[in-house]
Amino acid sequence: MATQRHIEQTLSVEQQLAIQNNAEKLSVLDYVYSSSFSFNGDQMILKSQKALFNLDKYEKFRQQSCNSIIFDEASGLSVTLYSWDEVDRQISKIKLNFQLAECPIR
């Protein structure tokens, strides 16, 4: 849901069509917009609150090698942004999985 919202809000129609046909790029975007952060577990979280969270507002707070905790006023939630190191590691894994899937079996 967050990934689709990001695509619709930031990409042209042509770019949207291109990315919909590129499973690897779509997987990377999905990771970034749904799994590169977590809502802190000690709070009750409603689906409607999750829908209000906009990661784009907080990317500038993500740190290179340590996680960052931010408070999102729109949703009322505390959110942990995973470090750029962790995000890069996970994106590398996603890309590697696609490369392995493309390799022919001998």
PDB file of N, CA and C in Angstrom:
ATOM      1  N   MET A   1       0.824  -1.180   0.000  1.00  0.00           N
ATOM      2  CA  MET A   1       0.000   0.000   0.000  1.00  0.00           C
ATOM      3  C   MET A   1       0.875   1.253   0.000  1.00  0.00           C
ATOM      4  N   ALA A   2       1.848   1.350   0.881  1.00  0.00           N
ATOM      5  CA  ALA A   2       2.726   2.513   0.932  1.00  0.00           C
ATOM      6  C   ALA A   2       3.562   2.607  -0.336  1.00  0.00           C
ATOM      7  N   THR A   3       3.995   1.467  -0.852  1.00  0.00           N
ATOM      8  CA  THR A   3       4.792   1.457  -2.077  1.00  0.00           C
ATOM      9  C   THR A   3       3.956   1.977  -3.240  1.00  0.00           C
ATOM     10  N   GLN A   4       2.742   1.496  -3.353  1.00  0.00           N
ATOM     11  CA  GLN A   4       1.858   1.924  -4.434  1.00  0.00           C
ATOM     12  C   GLN A   4       1.559   3.412  -4.325  1.00  0.00           C
ATOM     13  N   ARG A   5       1.329   3.894  -3.117  1.00  0.00           N
ATOM     14  CA  ARG A   5       1.067   5.323  -2.907  1.00  0.00           C
ATOM     15  C   ARG A   5       2.273   6.149  -3.348  1.00  0.00           C
ATOM     16  N   HIS A   6       3.474   5.701  -2.986  1.00  0.00           N
ATOM     17  CA  HIS A   6       4.693   6.402  -3.387  1.00  0.00           C
ATOM     18  C   HIS A   6       4.814   6.437  -4.913  1.00  0.00           C
ATOM     19  N   ILE A   7       4.590   5.324  -5.554  1.00  0.00           N
ATOM     20  CA  ILE A   7       4.685   5.244  -7.012  1.00  0.00           C
ATOM     21  C   ILE A   7       3.704   6.214  -7.662  1.00  0.00           C
ATOM     22  N   GLU A   8       2.482   6.205  -7.197  1.00  0.00           N
ATOM     23  CA  GLU A   8       1.449   7.070  -7.782  1.00  0.00           C
ATOM     24  C   GLU A   8       1.734   8.551  -7.555  1.00  0.00           C
ATOM     25  N   GLN A   9       2.300   8.893  -6.407  1.00  0.00           N
ATOM     26  CA  GLN A   9       2.526  10.299  -6.069  1.00  0.00           C
ATOM     27  C   GLN A   9       3.804  10.880  -6.665  1.00  0.00           C
ATOM     28  N   THR A  10       4.783  10.050  -6.953  1.00  0.00           N
ATOM     29  CA  THR A  10       6.082  10.600  -7.354  1.00  0.00           C
ATOM     30  C   THR A  10       6.523  10.268  -8.775  1.00  0.00           C
ATOM     31  N   LEU A  11       5.897   9.319  -9.417  1.00  0.00           N
ATOM     32  CA  LEU A  11       6.346   8.919 -10.750  1.00  0.00           C
ATOM     33  C   LEU A  11       5.325   9.291 -11.821  1.00  0.00           C
ATOM     34  N   SER A  12       5.838   9.587 -13.007  1.00  0.00           N
ATOM     35  CA  SER A  12       4.953   9.864 -14.145  1.00  0.00           C
ATOM     36  C   SER A  12       4.260   8.566 -14.552  1.00  0.00           C
ATOM     37  N   VAL A  13       3.246   8.676 -15.393  1.00  0.00           N
ATOM     38  CA  VAL A  13       2.516   7.490 -15.857  1.00  0.00           C
ATOM     39  C   VAL A  13       3.467   6.543 -16.585  1.00  0.00           C
ATOM     40  N   GLU A  14       4.350   7.095 -17.407  1.00  0.00           N
ATOM     41  CA  GLU A  14       5.312   6.265 -18.138  1.00  0.00           C
ATOM     42  C   GLU A  14       6.245   5.529 -17.172  1.00  0.00           C
ATOM     43  N   GLN A  15       6.722   6.249 -16.156  1.00  0.00           N
ATOM     44  CA  GLN A  15       7.606   5.626 -15.163  1.00  0.00           C
ATOM     45  C   GLN A  15       6.857   4.559 -14.367  1.00  0.00           C
ATOM     46  N   GLN A  16       5.596   4.817 -14.057  1.00  0.00           N
ATOM     47  CA  GLN A  16       4.792   3.836 -13.333  1.00  0.00           C
ATOM     48  C   GLN A  16       4.653   2.554 -14.141  1.00  0.00           C
ATOM     49  N   LEU A  17       4.378   2.684 -15.424  1.00  0.00           N
ATOM     50  CA  LEU A  17       4.246   1.497 -16.281  1.00  0.00           C
ATOM     51  C   LEU A  17       5.562   0.740 -16.371  1.00  0.00           C
ATOM     52  N   ALA A  18       6.663   1.474 -16.493  1.00  0.00           N
ATOM     53  CA  ALA A  18       7.974   0.828 -16.591  1.00  0.00           C
ATOM     54  C   ALA A  18       8.314   0.068 -15.318  1.00  0.00           C
ATOM     55  N   ILE A  19       8.050   0.669 -14.174  1.00  0.00           N
ATOM     56  CA  ILE A  19       8.410   0.006 -12.914  1.00  0.00           C
ATOM     57  C   ILE A  19       7.494  -1.179 -12.624  1.00  0.00           C
ATOM     58  N   GLN A  20       6.246  -1.106 -13.052  1.00  0.00           N
ATOM     59  CA  GLN A  20       5.327  -2.225 -12.846  1.00  0.00           C
ATOM     60  C   GLN A  20       5.794  -3.461 -13.607  1.00  0.00           C
ATOM     61  N   ASN A  21       6.574  -3.245 -14.666  1.00  0.00           N
ATOM     62  CA  ASN A  21       7.092  -4.359 -15.466  1.00  0.00           C
ATOM     63  C   ASN A  21       8.514  -4.753 -15.080  1.00  0.00           C
ATOM     64  N   ASN A  22       9.039  -4.181 -14.004  1.00  0.00           N
ATOM     65  CA  ASN A  22      10.398  -4.491 -13.555  1.00  0.00           C
ATOM     66  C   ASN A  22      10.315  -5.024 -12.119  1.00  0.00           C
ATOM     67  N   ALA A  23      10.255  -6.330 -12.009  1.00  0.00           N
ATOM     68  CA  ALA A  23      10.048  -6.963 -10.704  1.00  0.00           C
ATOM     69  C   ALA A  23      11.148  -6.626  -9.700  1.00  0.00           C
ATOM     70  N   GLU A  24      12.384  -6.500 -10.172  1.00  0.00           N
ATOM     71  CA  GLU A  24      13.486  -6.203  -9.257  1.00  0.00           C
ATOM     72  C   GLU A  24      13.331  -4.802  -8.658  1.00  0.00           C
ATOM     73  N   LYS A  25      13.110  -3.803  -9.500  1.00  0.00           N
ATOM     74  CA  LYS A  25      12.932  -2.433  -8.998  1.00  0.00           C
ATOM     75  C   LYS A  25      11.713  -2.338  -8.099  1.00  0.00           C
ATOM     76  N   LEU A  26      10.655  -3.028  -8.460  1.00  0.00           N
ATOM     77  CA  LEU A  26       9.445  -3.019  -7.643  1.00  0.00           C
ATOM     78  C   LEU A  26       9.707  -3.655  -6.282  1.00  0.00           C
ATOM     79  N   SER A  27      10.484  -4.717  -6.249  1.00  0.00           N
ATOM     80  CA  SER A  27      10.837  -5.376  -4.982  1.00  0.00           C
ATOM     81  C   SER A  27      11.680  -4.465  -4.095  1.00  0.00           C
ATOM     82  N   VAL A  28      12.625  -3.738  -4.718  1.00  0.00           N
ATOM     83  CA  VAL A  28      13.456  -2.808  -3.956  1.00  0.00           C
ATOM     84  C   VAL A  28      12.588  -1.700  -3.369  1.00  0.00           C
ATOM     85  N   LEU A  29      11.725  -1.111  -4.188  1.00  0.00           N
ATOM     86  CA  LEU A  29      10.823  -0.065  -3.686  1.00  0.00           C
ATOM     87  C   LEU A  29       9.925  -0.586  -2.580  1.00  0.00           C
ATOM     88  N   ASP A  30       9.421  -1.804  -2.764  1.00  0.00           N
ATOM     89  CA  ASP A  30       8.547  -2.382  -1.740  1.00  0.00           C
ATOM     90  C   ASP A  30       9.296  -2.556  -0.429  1.00  0.00           C
ATOM     91  N   TYR A  31      10.554  -3.006  -0.500  1.00  0.00           N
ATOM     92  CA  TYR A  31      11.347  -3.125   0.719  1.00  0.00           C
ATOM     93  C   TYR A  31      11.478  -1.755   1.392  1.00  0.00           C
ATOM     94  N   VAL A  32      11.882  -0.751   0.628  1.00  0.00           N
ATOM     95  CA  VAL A  32      12.118   0.583   1.193  1.00  0.00           C
ATOM     96  C   VAL A  32      10.853   1.129   1.846  1.00  0.00           C
ATOM     97  N   TYR A  33       9.715   1.006   1.171  1.00  0.00           N
ATOM     98  CA  TYR A  33       8.498   1.645   1.663  1.00  0.00           C
ATOM     99  C   TYR A  33       7.652   0.780   2.597  1.00  0.00           C
ATOM    100  N   SER A  34       8.071  -0.461   2.814  1.00  0.00           N
ATOM    101  CA  SER A  34       7.305  -1.280   3.759  1.00  0.00           C
ATOM    102  C   SER A  34       8.150  -1.982   4.813  1.00  0.00           C
ATOM    103  N   SER A  35       9.462  -2.115   4.580  1.00  0.00           N
ATOM    104  CA  SER A  35      10.276  -2.899   5.513  1.00  0.00           C
ATOM    105  C   SER A  35      11.569  -2.239   5.966  1.00  0.00           C
ATOM    106  N   SER A  36      11.877  -1.043   5.480  1.00  0.00           N
ATOM    107  CA  SER A  36      13.131  -0.399   5.878  1.00  0.00           C
ATOM    108  C   SER A  36      12.967   0.408   7.162  1.00  0.00           C
ATOM    109  N   PHE A  37      11.883   0.166   7.831  1.00  0.00           N
ATOM    110  CA  PHE A  37      11.566   0.827   9.098  1.00  0.00           C
ATOM    111  C   PHE A  37      10.622  -0.079   9.865  1.00  0.00           C
ATOM    112  N   SER A  38      10.435   0.224  11.137  1.00  0.00           N
ATOM    113  CA  SER A  38       9.442  -0.521  11.917  1.00  0.00           C
ATOM    114  C   SER A  38       8.752   0.438  12.877  1.00  0.00           C
ATOM    115  N   PHE A  39       7.512   0.127  13.148  1.00  0.00           N
ATOM    116  CA  PHE A  39       6.777   0.888  14.146  1.00  0.00           C
ATOM    117  C   PHE A  39       7.153   0.300  15.498  1.00  0.00           C
ATOM    118  N   ASN A  40       7.515   1.143  16.428  1.00  0.00           N
ATOM    119  CA  ASN A  40       7.982   0.657  17.721  1.00  0.00           C
ATOM    120  C   ASN A  40       6.897  -0.177  18.385  1.00  0.00           C
ATOM    121  N   GLY A  41       7.309  -1.340  18.889  1.00  0.00           N
ATOM    122  CA  GLY A  41       6.390  -2.370  19.346  1.00  0.00           C
ATOM    123  C   GLY A  41       5.607  -2.104  20.607  1.00  0.00           C
ATOM    124  N   ASP A  42       5.963  -1.103  21.384  1.00  0.00           N
ATOM    125  CA  ASP A  42       5.264  -0.886  22.643  1.00  0.00           C
ATOM    126  C   ASP A  42       4.030   0.012  22.481  1.00  0.00           C
ATOM    127  N   GLN A  43       3.597   0.226  21.260  1.00  0.00           N
ATOM    128  CA  GLN A  43       2.439   1.070  21.016  1.00  0.00           C
ATOM    129  C   GLN A  43       1.358   0.292  20.275  1.00  0.00           C
ATOM    130  N   MET A  44       0.119   0.609  20.562  1.00  0.00           N
ATOM    131  CA  MET A  44      -0.991   0.004  19.834  1.00  0.00           C
ATOM    132  C   MET A  44      -1.074   0.695  18.482  1.00  0.00           C
ATOM    133  N   ILE A  45      -1.083  -0.095  17.424  1.00  0.00           N
ATOM    134  CA  ILE A  45      -1.009   0.474  16.080  1.00  0.00           C
ATOM    135  C   ILE A  45      -2.229   0.050  15.267  1.00  0.00           C
ATOM    136  N   LEU A  46      -2.932   1.035  14.754  1.00  0.00           N
ATOM    137  CA  LEU A  46      -4.091   0.785  13.898  1.00  0.00           C
ATOM    138  C   LEU A  46      -3.671   0.854  12.436  1.00  0.00           C
ATOM    139  N   LYS A  47      -4.372   0.115  11.576  1.00  0.00           N
ATOM    140  CA  LYS A  47      -4.075   0.175  10.146  1.00  0.00           C
ATOM    141  C   LYS A  47      -4.207   1.600   9.629  1.00  0.00           C
ATOM    142  N   SER A  48      -5.174   2.331  10.146  1.00  0.00           N
ATOM    143  CA  SER A  48      -5.373   3.712   9.696  1.00  0.00           C
ATOM    144  C   SER A  48      -4.176   4.587  10.062  1.00  0.00           C
ATOM    145  N   GLN A  49      -3.517   4.288  11.187  1.00  0.00           N
ATOM    146  CA  GLN A  49      -2.320   5.039  11.563  1.00  0.00           C
ATOM    147  C   GLN A  49      -1.170   4.709  10.610  1.00  0.00           C
ATOM    148  N   LYS A  50      -1.005   3.437  10.292  1.00  0.00           N
ATOM    149  CA  LYS A  50       0.050   3.034   9.370  1.00  0.00           C
ATOM    150  C   LYS A  50      -0.124   3.721   8.022  1.00  0.00           C
ATOM    151  N   ALA A  51      -1.354   3.833   7.587  1.00  0.00           N
ATOM    152  CA  ALA A  51      -1.636   4.454   6.290  1.00  0.00           C
ATOM    153  C   ALA A  51      -1.253   5.930   6.271  1.00  0.00           C
ATOM    154  N   LEU A  52      -1.242   6.577   7.420  1.00  0.00           N
ATOM    155  CA  LEU A  52      -0.902   7.999   7.492  1.00  0.00           C
ATOM    156  C   LEU A  52       0.602   8.251   7.452  1.00  0.00           C
ATOM    157  N   PHE A  53       1.397   7.230   7.748  1.00  0.00           N
ATOM    158  CA  PHE A  53       2.848   7.405   7.800  1.00  0.00           C
ATOM    159  C   PHE A  53       3.412   7.564   6.394  1.00  0.00           C
ATOM    160  N   ASN A  54       4.208   8.620   6.198  1.00  0.00           N
ATOM    161  CA  ASN A  54       4.820   8.909   4.907  1.00  0.00           C
ATOM    162  C   ASN A  54       6.343   8.904   5.082  1.00  0.00           C
ATOM    163  N   LEU A  55       6.980   7.850   4.637  1.00  0.00           N
ATOM    164  CA  LEU A  55       8.428   7.687   4.794  1.00  0.00           C
ATOM    165  C   LEU A  55       9.208   8.806   4.130  1.00  0.00           C
ATOM    166  N   ASP A  56       8.723   9.333   3.024  1.00  0.00           N
ATOM    167  CA  ASP A  56       9.451  10.374   2.292  1.00  0.00           C
ATOM    168  C   ASP A  56       9.796  11.569   3.172  1.00  0.00           C
ATOM    169  N   LYS A  57       8.961  11.866   4.136  1.00  0.00           N
ATOM    170  CA  LYS A  57       9.210  13.006   5.029  1.00  0.00           C
ATOM    171  C   LYS A  57      10.414  12.782   5.940  1.00  0.00           C
ATOM    172  N   TYR A  58      10.822  11.528   6.124  1.00  0.00           N
ATOM    173  CA  TYR A  58      11.823  11.208   7.143  1.00  0.00           C
ATOM    174  C   TYR A  58      13.118  10.605   6.615  1.00  0.00           C
ATOM    175  N   GLU A  59      13.232  10.394   5.314  1.00  0.00           N
ATOM    176  CA  GLU A  59      14.460   9.808   4.763  1.00  0.00           C
ATOM    177  C   GLU A  59      15.691  10.603   5.173  1.00  0.00           C
ATOM    178  N   LYS A  60      15.565  11.916   5.300  1.00  0.00           N
ATOM    179  CA  LYS A  60      16.717  12.755   5.658  1.00  0.00           C
ATOM    180  C   LYS A  60      17.213  12.486   7.083  1.00  0.00           C
ATOM    181  N   PHE A  61      16.400  11.816   7.902  1.00  0.00           N
ATOM    182  CA  PHE A  61      16.799  11.506   9.275  1.00  0.00           C
ATOM    183  C   PHE A  61      17.480  10.141   9.404  1.00  0.00           C
ATOM    184  N   ARG A  62      17.464   9.367   8.335  1.00  0.00           N
ATOM    185  CA  ARG A  62      18.098   8.051   8.353  1.00  0.00           C
ATOM    186  C   ARG A  62      19.603   8.253   8.447  1.00  0.00           C
ATOM    187  N   GLN A  63      20.262   7.515   9.346  1.00  0.00           N
ATOM    188  CA  GLN A  63      21.709   7.663   9.546  1.00  0.00           C
ATOM    189  C   GLN A  63      22.461   6.527   8.861  1.00  0.00           C
ATOM    190  N   GLN A  64      23.742   6.762   8.622  1.00  0.00           N
ATOM    191  CA  GLN A  64      24.539   5.799   7.872  1.00  0.00           C
ATOM    192  C   GLN A  64      24.664   4.449   8.576  1.00  0.00           C
ATOM    193  N   SER A  65      25.067   4.455   9.842  1.00  0.00           N
ATOM    194  CA  SER A  65      25.385   3.171  10.469  1.00  0.00           C
ATOM    195  C   SER A  65      24.602   2.858  11.735  1.00  0.00           C
ATOM    196  N   CYS A  66      23.651   3.699  12.098  1.00  0.00           N
ATOM    197  CA  CYS A  66      22.816   3.356  13.255  1.00  0.00           C
ATOM    198  C   CYS A  66      21.361   3.735  12.975  1.00  0.00           C
ATOM    199  N   ASN A  67      20.478   3.002  13.592  1.00  0.00           N
ATOM    200  CA  ASN A  67      19.055   3.248  13.422  1.00  0.00           C
ATOM    201  C   ASN A  67      18.663   4.575  14.052  1.00  0.00           C
ATOM    202  N   SER A  68      17.607   5.181  13.526  1.00  0.00           N
ATOM    203  CA  SER A  68      17.092   6.447  14.054  1.00  0.00           C
ATOM    204  C   SER A  68      15.646   6.247  14.485  1.00  0.00           C
ATOM    205  N   ILE A  69      15.286   6.862  15.587  1.00  0.00           N
ATOM    206  CA  ILE A  69      13.892   6.817  16.038  1.00  0.00           C
ATOM    207  C   ILE A  69      13.298   8.205  15.838  1.00  0.00           C
ATOM    208  N   ILE A  70      12.165   8.233  15.142  1.00  0.00           N
ATOM    209  CA  ILE A  70      11.479   9.503  14.892  1.00  0.00           C
ATOM    210  C   ILE A  70      10.043   9.375  15.399  1.00  0.00           C
ATOM    211  N   PHE A  71       9.399  10.506  15.603  1.00  0.00           N
ATOM    212  CA  PHE A  71       7.982  10.523  15.953  1.00  0.00           C
ATOM    213  C   PHE A  71       7.242  11.173  14.800  1.00  0.00           C
ATOM    214  N   ASP A  72       6.267  10.462  14.256  1.00  0.00           N
ATOM    215  CA  ASP A  72       5.469  10.967  13.147  1.00  0.00           C
ATOM    216  C   ASP A  72       4.176  11.561  13.687  1.00  0.00           C
ATOM    217  N   GLU A  73       4.060  12.870  13.605  1.00  0.00           N
ATOM    218  CA  GLU A  73       2.888  13.547  14.145  1.00  0.00           C
ATOM    219  C   GLU A  73       1.607  13.175  13.411  1.00  0.00           C
ATOM    220  N   ALA A  74       1.684  12.932  12.100  1.00  0.00           N
ATOM    221  CA  ALA A  74       0.486  12.609  11.320  1.00  0.00           C
ATOM    222  C   ALA A  74      -0.180  11.323  11.801  1.00  0.00           C
ATOM    223  N   SER A  75       0.642  10.315  12.113  1.00  0.00           N
ATOM    224  CA  SER A  75       0.088   9.023  12.543  1.00  0.00           C
ATOM    225  C   SER A  75       0.079   8.874  14.057  1.00  0.00           C
ATOM    226  N   GLY A  76       0.897   9.677  14.750  1.00  0.00           N
ATOM    227  CA  GLY A  76       1.021   9.548  16.194  1.00  0.00           C
ATOM    228  C   GLY A  76       1.881   8.362  16.613  1.00  0.00           C
ATOM    229  N   LEU A  77       2.744   7.907  15.709  1.00  0.00           N
ATOM    230  CA  LEU A  77       3.546   6.708  15.974  1.00  0.00           C
ATOM    231  C   LEU A  77       5.034   7.018  16.064  1.00  0.00           C
ATOM    232  N   SER A  78       5.717   6.266  16.925  1.00  0.00           N
ATOM    233  CA  SER A  78       7.171   6.280  16.958  1.00  0.00           C
ATOM    234  C   SER A  78       7.652   5.235  15.957  1.00  0.00           C
ATOM    235  N   VAL A  79       8.643   5.616  15.169  1.00  0.00           N
ATOM    236  CA  VAL A  79       9.103   4.761  14.078  1.00  0.00           C
ATOM    237  C   VAL A  79      10.627   4.653  14.142  1.00  0.00           C
ATOM    238  N   THR A  80      11.127   3.435  13.972  1.00  0.00           N
ATOM    239  CA  THR A  80      12.559   3.211  13.872  1.00  0.00           C
ATOM    240  C   THR A  80      12.911   3.110  12.397  1.00  0.00           C
ATOM    241  N   LEU A  81      13.783   4.012  11.951  1.00  0.00           N
ATOM    242  CA  LEU A  81      14.305   3.965  10.589  1.00  0.00           C
ATOM    243  C   LEU A  81      15.600   3.160  10.630  1.00  0.00           C
ATOM    244  N   TYR A  82      15.671   2.093   9.839  1.00  0.00           N
ATOM    245  CA  TYR A  82      16.889   1.301   9.813  1.00  0.00           C
ATOM    246  C   TYR A  82      17.994   2.099   9.123  1.00  0.00           C
ATOM    247  N   SER A  83      19.222   1.860   9.519  1.00  0.00           N
ATOM    248  CA  SER A  83      20.374   2.602   8.997  1.00  0.00           C
ATOM    249  C   SER A  83      20.526   2.386   7.488  1.00  0.00           C
ATOM    250  N   TRP A  84      21.236   3.328   6.849  1.00  0.00           N
ATOM    251  CA  TRP A  84      21.534   3.172   5.423  1.00  0.00           C
ATOM    252  C   TRP A  84      22.354   1.918   5.183  1.00  0.00           C
ATOM    253  N   ASP A  85      23.231   1.571   6.115  1.00  0.00           N
ATOM    254  CA  ASP A  85      24.015   0.342   5.960  1.00  0.00           C
ATOM    255  C   ASP A  85      23.092  -0.875   5.869  1.00  0.00           C
ATOM    256  N   GLU A  86      22.098  -0.927   6.756  1.00  0.00           N
ATOM    257  CA  GLU A  86      21.149  -2.047   6.752  1.00  0.00           C
ATOM    258  C   GLU A  86      20.288  -2.027   5.495  1.00  0.00           C
ATOM    259  N   VAL A  87      19.826  -0.865   5.107  1.00  0.00           N
ATOM    260  CA  VAL A  87      19.006  -0.742   3.896  1.00  0.00           C
ATOM    261  C   VAL A  87      19.809  -1.216   2.686  1.00  0.00           C
ATOM    262  N   ASP A  88      21.049  -0.763   2.570  1.00  0.00           N
ATOM    263  CA  ASP A  88      21.905  -1.178   1.449  1.00  0.00           C
ATOM    264  C   ASP A  88      22.137  -2.684   1.457  1.00  0.00           C
ATOM    265  N   ARG A  89      22.332  -3.257   2.642  1.00  0.00           N
ATOM    266  CA  ARG A  89      22.530  -4.715   2.769  1.00  0.00           C
ATOM    267  C   ARG A  89      21.300  -5.464   2.259  1.00  0.00           C
ATOM    268  N   GLN A  90      20.130  -5.013   2.659  1.00  0.00           N
ATOM    269  CA  GLN A  90      18.897  -5.695   2.250  1.00  0.00           C
ATOM    270  C   GLN A  90      18.630  -5.534   0.752  1.00  0.00           C
ATOM    271  N   ILE A  91      18.907  -4.347   0.221  1.00  0.00           N
ATOM    272  CA  ILE A  91      18.725  -4.132  -1.213  1.00  0.00           C
ATOM    273  C   ILE A  91      19.687  -5.015  -2.000  1.00  0.00           C
ATOM    274  N   SER A  92      20.907  -5.163  -1.510  1.00  0.00           N
ATOM    275  CA  SER A  92      21.879  -6.053  -2.166  1.00  0.00           C
ATOM    276  C   SER A  92      21.372  -7.484  -2.185  1.00  0.00           C
ATOM    277  N   LYS A  93      20.760  -7.927  -1.096  1.00  0.00           N
ATOM    278  CA  LYS A  93      20.198  -9.286  -1.034  1.00  0.00           C
ATOM    279  C   LYS A  93      19.075  -9.454  -2.047  1.00  0.00           C
ATOM    280  N   ILE A  94      18.219  -8.456  -2.148  1.00  0.00           N
ATOM    281  CA  ILE A  94      17.114  -8.517  -3.115  1.00  0.00           C
ATOM    282  C   ILE A  94      17.675  -8.644  -4.532  1.00  0.00           C
ATOM    283  N   LYS A  95      18.650  -7.805  -4.855  1.00  0.00           N
ATOM    284  CA  LYS A  95      19.248  -7.834  -6.195  1.00  0.00           C
ATOM    285  C   LYS A  95      19.953  -9.157  -6.465  1.00  0.00           C
ATOM    286  N   LEU A  96      20.640  -9.684  -5.462  1.00  0.00           N
ATOM    287  CA  LEU A  96      21.311 -10.969  -5.622  1.00  0.00           C
ATOM    288  C   LEU A  96      20.295 -12.077  -5.894  1.00  0.00           C
ATOM    289  N   ASN A  97      19.181 -12.063  -5.194  1.00  0.00           N
ATOM    290  CA  ASN A  97      18.140 -13.073  -5.427  1.00  0.00           C
ATOM    291  C   ASN A  97      17.630 -13.021  -6.867  1.00  0.00           C
ATOM    292  N   PHE A  98      17.483 -11.828  -7.419  1.00  0.00           N
ATOM    293  CA  PHE A  98      17.049 -11.721  -8.813  1.00  0.00           C
ATOM    294  C   PHE A  98      18.140 -12.211  -9.764  1.00  0.00           C
ATOM    295  N   GLN A  99      19.397 -11.921  -9.448  1.00  0.00           N
ATOM    296  CA  GLN A  99      20.499 -12.404 -10.296  1.00  0.00           C
ATOM    297  C   GLN A  99      20.553 -13.925 -10.286  1.00  0.00           C
ATOM    298  N   LEU A 100      20.375 -14.507  -9.101  1.00  0.00           N
ATOM    299  CA  LEU A 100      20.398 -15.967  -8.986  1.00  0.00           C
ATOM    300  C   LEU A 100      19.235 -16.591  -9.726  1.00  0.00           C
ATOM    301  N   ALA A 101      18.098 -15.949  -9.690  1.00  0.00           N
ATOM    302  CA  ALA A 101      16.921 -16.464 -10.383  1.00  0.00           C
ATOM    303  C   ALA A 101      17.107 -16.439 -11.902  1.00  0.00           C
ATOM    304  N   GLU A 102      17.925 -15.511 -12.392  1.00  0.00           N
ATOM    305  CA  GLU A 102      18.170 -15.408 -13.829  1.00  0.00           C
ATOM    306  C   GLU A 102      19.222 -16.388 -14.327  1.00  0.00           C
ATOM    307  N   CYS A 103      20.053 -16.921 -13.433  1.00  0.00           N
ATOM    308  CA  CYS A 103      21.123 -17.836 -13.828  1.00  0.00           C
ATOM    309  C   CYS A 103      20.527 -19.174 -14.263  1.00  0.00           C
ATOM    310  N   PRO A 104      20.989 -19.666 -15.414  1.00  0.00           N
ATOM    311  CA  PRO A 104      20.496 -20.982 -15.844  1.00  0.00           C
ATOM    312  C   PRO A 104      21.073 -22.102 -14.978  1.00  0.00           C
ATOM    313  N   ILE A 105      20.295 -23.118 -14.789  1.00  0.00           N
ATOM    314  CA  ILE A 105      20.753 -24.291 -14.009  1.00  0.00           C
ATOM    315  C   ILE A 105      21.531 -25.191 -14.957  1.00  0.00           C
ATOM    316  N   ARG A 106      22.683 -25.626 -14.498  1.00  0.00           N
ATOM    317  CA  ARG A 106      23.534 -26.502 -15.346  1.00  0.00           C
ATOM    318  C   ARG A 106      23.417 -27.909 -14.916  1.00  0.00           C
TER     319      ARG A 106
END
